[in-house]
């Protein structure tokens, strides 16, 4: 049978019927001409032709696809049944929509982050090259220019290597100067990734980055739109970055986004790329600040490349043991680098949302089983009339899949809303928000999940229906109850499974919530309330001398301190919770001199006078910097408590001297004070030994203002901007945010995971409660006759209620027991993301179990409450 005949079958049937009728008319006319009466002539014609209905049926069968037509019949019948049982259909649709919608939203995130190919043609061959600092196990440390250049020159496994330094610069030339994230990259950076410019060109290694006189820049698509109004004539124009002219040579495509946060100085996605130029004085092993990427040669595996780079690193160590001892090399594939931080979390969320879907399917299966019991008479009649068991199974599965597809459509729409919520609460730079969209991949996933769900929750009711004995449902009587008991086993198993899975999710959410609250309860080491922060970065061309920078800060801090409502103001080079901090080796005076790579390491920052008092860092002993030390390098240093305990345990460090290897001419500094430890990288991170110099010691081109105010610090932002512009109209401020916002951002990722997991746990909890309510309620309905007889014979209603409650609580108890066993195993997967929280804390297990048991008891009571309304005589009369 061809599909052409199938789709033309109606016309062919009408044509066949017309031909048969024409034949009957002709034969009748012949019979009349032979002398028969008209009625007899028509009858004889029919006898001669045969059964017209059978003939048309046989002809129609030749033009049909039987299974397709049967399926269509089943679909229409199933749709009518859903319309007939609207309550069942509505509850099932809502349940499935919740499960499928949540899965659709999370899959969209997983697809955009872990599955979809990276937007770089060479992504599969690109690896990040890090230095491995062996003493403390840091495997992704930035490298020095000298080491990178040796890697680039002497490696045997990469076609090309490029260096990256994320920074920020002042983009001037427009109405308002702007602090913008930039990246200095090797000229072959774009060719390693395999990307080209959307407008103009990318850097060309043969002509760009050769000297400071040939400065070129490539703009991001967003910067081109926002700052240059999408002007195609921007190519060849000069822009000014940090008071230096650059020529725009290209604009990158929309969505081009290469940013590795690890080791990034600015911690921001670059908006402008400039060609990197290594001057002779920059080719040093002193100072590690470069990220490095490499393009593997064709056929070279990651393991081979790792071995080759380790061999090269050994040679470098032999040549320069002072700088390279205790340093190794670590290669990381680009995808693993970009997704490594979130991959485990997303997999956990995907597993959690999968559990929610299982609970939803179990719930709908329970409803289906109850409905199948109610349809036993209908199914028995169909089987008594000749319907085969497989025909019944197919009918039930068709109805289930129809229901699941409708639920899937609702879930797809709900997934859109869930995705909007995820975008609104997701922290910046955690997941690619711009790539989150419901496309054909997500639609295919939702459809597949819908069909799978339909088969999942429809199989048990279908098999149950197929086992229906035609005689049994047609015989009303006492045997019905016992039969219902047997069929209720499947429902009880499903409800027990729901409760067990819900407890697992509840335990996971409880652990994350407890961990989150323990993180936010951590003392950061200072008082973040009512503190405003703002980033200031000087252009090298305009502020070349330290005196210029000192005078700027003196005037600015004086102006800020004069603002009404400002209690104190100061500045810090590496503000806690605002990004990375410099670290270097330290040598205590009077102790054996060791190679730098074998010395203790301490963080180093520069501060203005009044910094510790403004931020609220307690002074332990000695003193902090005075105003005279704001203008000249005195060689004094303030150290943190942990640094004092590390370098001079059981000694008073005041007056001791230590060499901090961060200058070209390193001389011992005198310890004048000890202050409290501060959490720098995050509330969950360990404190690190830290040394504070006064600002003139190094004279960074950047500092972060810290201003303690009376009341809301945001109210002082306009006055702060005015104070800066009065001193230098071309000096912008960036990242003007309250200190409390920085702390909140530092826990944004943990908060996001906790919120999502808590939402899943809540959905699972509610679905499980609905499930146990449904089972107990159905039991009461099925045992109405038995209950009526018991009450008629003198049983107390309270006793009957207790009996039914006991049945519900037994199910809850079994589910909770299984849930505890599963939780003890599965929650260990959360160990790496928990803070000071064990995955098997007894108090949390007890609280979650008690909560689930109490709510199960309440749901069961609501279900059995109808017993108080049962009229025994009415029940008996009905029987």
Foldseek 3Di string as FASTA:
>chain_A
DDVVLLVCVVVVLVVVVVVLVVQLVVQLVVVVVVPDDSVVSSVVSDVVVDDPVVVSVVVSVVSHDVVVVLLVVLLVVLVVVCVVVVVLLVVLLVLLLVLLLLLLLLVLQCCQQPNPDDPFPLQQQKKWKAKAQQVVGRAHFFFALQVQVLCQPPFDWFPGKKKKAKDWWWWDDDPAIDIFIEMAMALCVNVLSPFFFPAFTGGDNVPFQADPVAKAKEFEPVCCCPVVVVDSVQAQPWIATLNGTYGYGGYHDPPDWDDQQVLHFQSDTGGMYIYHHQDPVRNDRADGRIIMMGGGDPPDDPVNSQVRQQVSLVVVCVVPVLRRPSMGMDIGRPSCRLCVVCVLLSVVLSVLSVLSSLLSLLLSLLSLLLVLLVCLLVLLVVVVVPDALVSLLSSLLSSLLSSLVSSLVSSNVSSVVVNVVLLVQAFPSNTDNVSRDCDPVSVVVSNVSSSVSSCSSRNLSSVVSSPRHSVVVVDDDDVVLVVVVVSCVSLLVSLLQLLLSLLLLLLLLVQLVVLLVVLVPFDQQFDQPQKKKWKFFHRCVVCVDLQVVLVLQVQLQVLLCPPPFWPHKKWKAAAALSGDFDKFFKAWPPDDDDRRSPGDMATEMAMAPPPCVLRGWAWDDFDDDDNVQSRAFDLAKEKEPVLCCVPPNPDDQQQTWMWTPDDPDIDIGGYGTYTYFGRGNASQDDTGIYMYGHCNVPPHSMIMMMIRGHPDNVVCVVVSQVSSCVSPVNIDIPDTDRSVVSRCSRCSNSVSSSVSSVVSSVSSLVSSLVSLLVSLLSSCVSCLLVLLVCVVVPDDLVVVLVVSLVVSLVSSVSSLVSSLVVQVPPQVSCVVVGGPGDSPDPVSSVVSSVVSSVSSSVSSSVSSVCSVVRNSVVSVVVD
